C-alpha atoms as a PDB file:
ATOM      1  CA  UNK A   1    -180.258 -43.381  20.395  1.00  0.00           C
ATOM      2  CA  UNK A   2    -177.550 -40.876  19.896  1.00  0.00           C
ATOM      3  CA  UNK A   3    -177.354 -38.881  23.778  1.00  0.00           C
ATOM      4  CA  UNK A   4    -176.091 -35.526  24.293  1.00  0.00           C
ATOM      5  CA  UNK A   5    -175.510 -33.081  27.042  1.00  0.00           C
ATOM      6  CA  UNK A   6    -179.225 -32.405  27.873  1.00  0.00           C
ATOM      7  CA  UNK A   7    -180.300 -36.513  27.821  1.00  0.00           C
ATOM      8  CA  UNK A   8    -179.384 -36.487  31.786  1.00  0.00           C
ATOM      9  CA  UNK A   9    -181.825 -39.434  32.204  1.00  0.00           C
ATOM     10  CA  UNK A  10    -180.899 -41.583  29.391  1.00  0.00           C
ATOM     11  CA  UNK A  11    -176.797 -41.041  30.311  1.00  0.00           C
ATOM     12  CA  UNK A  12    -177.498 -42.315  33.838  1.00  0.00           C
ATOM     13  CA  UNK A  13    -179.047 -45.054  33.164  1.00  0.00           C
ATOM     14  CA  UNK A  14    -176.052 -45.889  30.871  1.00  0.00           C
ATOM     15  CA  UNK A  15    -173.710 -45.425  33.279  1.00  0.00           C
ATOM     16  CA  UNK A  16    -174.982 -47.373  35.739  1.00  0.00           C
ATOM     17  CA  UNK A  17    -175.435 -50.208  33.132  1.00  0.00           C
ATOM     18  CA  UNK A  18    -171.827 -49.742  32.599  1.00  0.00           C
ATOM     19  CA  UNK A  19    -170.539 -48.561  35.423  1.00  0.00           C
ATOM     20  CA  UNK A  20    -172.480 -50.095  38.322  1.00  0.00           C
ATOM     21  CA  UNK A  21    -169.966 -50.875  40.582  1.00  0.00           C
ATOM     22  CA  UNK A  22    -168.627 -46.601  40.761  1.00  0.00           C
ATOM     23  CA  UNK A  23    -168.626 -44.896  43.687  1.00  0.00           C
ATOM     24  CA  UNK A  24    -170.477 -41.808  42.457  1.00  0.00           C
ATOM     25  CA  UNK A  25    -170.512 -39.329  45.219  1.00  0.00           C
ATOM     26  CA  UNK A  26    -166.394 -39.772  45.268  1.00  0.00           C
ATOM     27  CA  UNK A  27    -166.273 -39.048  41.153  1.00  0.00           C
ATOM     28  CA  UNK A  28    -164.295 -36.231  40.649  1.00  0.00           C
ATOM     29  CA  UNK A  29    -166.615 -34.345  37.822  1.00  0.00           C
ATOM     30  CA  UNK A  30    -163.045 -35.066  35.339  1.00  0.00           C
ATOM     31  CA  UNK A  31    -163.659 -38.275  35.691  1.00  0.00           C
ATOM     32  CA  UNK A  32    -167.468 -38.224  35.288  1.00  0.00           C
ATOM     33  CA  UNK A  33    -166.972 -36.308  32.090  1.00  0.00           C
ATOM     34  CA  UNK A  34    -164.363 -39.009  30.558  1.00  0.00           C
ATOM     35  CA  UNK A  35    -167.479 -41.593  31.009  1.00  0.00           C
ATOM     36  CA  UNK A  36    -169.690 -39.751  29.234  1.00  0.00           C
ATOM     37  CA  UNK A  37    -168.484 -39.274  26.718  1.00  0.00           C
ATOM     38  CA  UNK A  38    -167.123 -42.456  26.270  1.00  0.00           C
ATOM     39  CA  UNK A  39    -170.568 -43.882  26.140  1.00  0.00           C
ATOM     40  CA  UNK A  40    -171.071 -46.172  23.102  1.00  0.00           C
ATOM     41  CA  UNK A  41    -174.220 -43.732  22.457  1.00  0.00           C
ATOM     42  CA  UNK A  42    -172.583 -40.363  22.964  1.00  0.00           C
ATOM     43  CA  UNK A  43    -172.490 -37.786  20.133  1.00  0.00           C
ATOM     44  CA  UNK A  44    -172.492 -34.358  21.469  1.00  0.00           C
ATOM     45  CA  UNK A  45    -170.146 -32.240  21.616  1.00  0.00           C
ATOM     46  CA  UNK A  46    -167.562 -33.246  25.157  1.00  0.00           C
ATOM     47  CA  UNK A  47    -166.674 -29.146  25.426  1.00  0.00           C
ATOM     48  CA  UNK A  48    -170.072 -28.204  25.576  1.00  0.00           C
ATOM     49  CA  UNK A  49    -170.721 -30.176  29.468  1.00  0.00           C
ATOM     50  CA  UNK A  50    -170.184 -27.440  32.284  1.00  0.00           C
ATOM     51  CA  UNK A  51    -170.487 -27.865  35.860  1.00  0.00           C
ATOM     52  CA  UNK A  52    -174.264 -27.304  36.520  1.00  0.00           C
ATOM     53  CA  UNK A  53    -174.668 -30.316  33.723  1.00  0.00           C
ATOM     54  CA  UNK A  54    -171.940 -32.625  35.659  1.00  0.00           C
ATOM     55  CA  UNK A  55    -173.871 -32.229  38.776  1.00  0.00           C
ATOM     56  CA  UNK A  56    -177.529 -32.958  37.175  1.00  0.00           C
ATOM     57  CA  UNK A  57    -175.968 -36.284  35.894  1.00  0.00           C
ATOM     58  CA  UNK A  58    -174.322 -37.129  39.298  1.00  0.00           C
ATOM     59  CA  UNK A  59    -177.425 -36.076  41.444  1.00  0.00           C
ATOM     60  CA  UNK A  60    -179.580 -38.512  38.731  1.00  0.00           C
ATOM     61  CA  UNK A  61    -177.664 -41.155  39.106  1.00  0.00           C
ATOM     62  CA  UNK A  62    -176.912 -41.090  42.494  1.00  0.00           C
ATOM     63  CA  UNK A  63    -180.994 -40.663  43.179  1.00  0.00           C
ATOM     64  CA  UNK A  64    -181.227 -43.648  40.702  1.00  0.00           C
ATOM     65  CA  UNK A  65    -179.368 -46.141  42.959  1.00  0.00           C
ATOM     66  CA  UNK A  66    -180.985 -44.842  46.440  1.00  0.00           C
ATOM     67  CA  UNK A  67    -184.412 -45.938  44.619  1.00  0.00           C
ATOM     68  CA  UNK A  68    -183.108 -49.162  43.694  1.00  0.00           C
END
């Protein structure tokens, strides 16, 4: 599957699988951006992200952990 910035749920699942030990709430957006763009299935333009997208990913990731 090819991931792009709008695939928040799928990105979060991949991040959790690869980086389950990361402290989500202390992640800087620059680090989160790097983690996303380094995902094997990520194919979107790295420059297309913004603070709103990264906040959505961080919030979804936090919620996934809270509900696990």
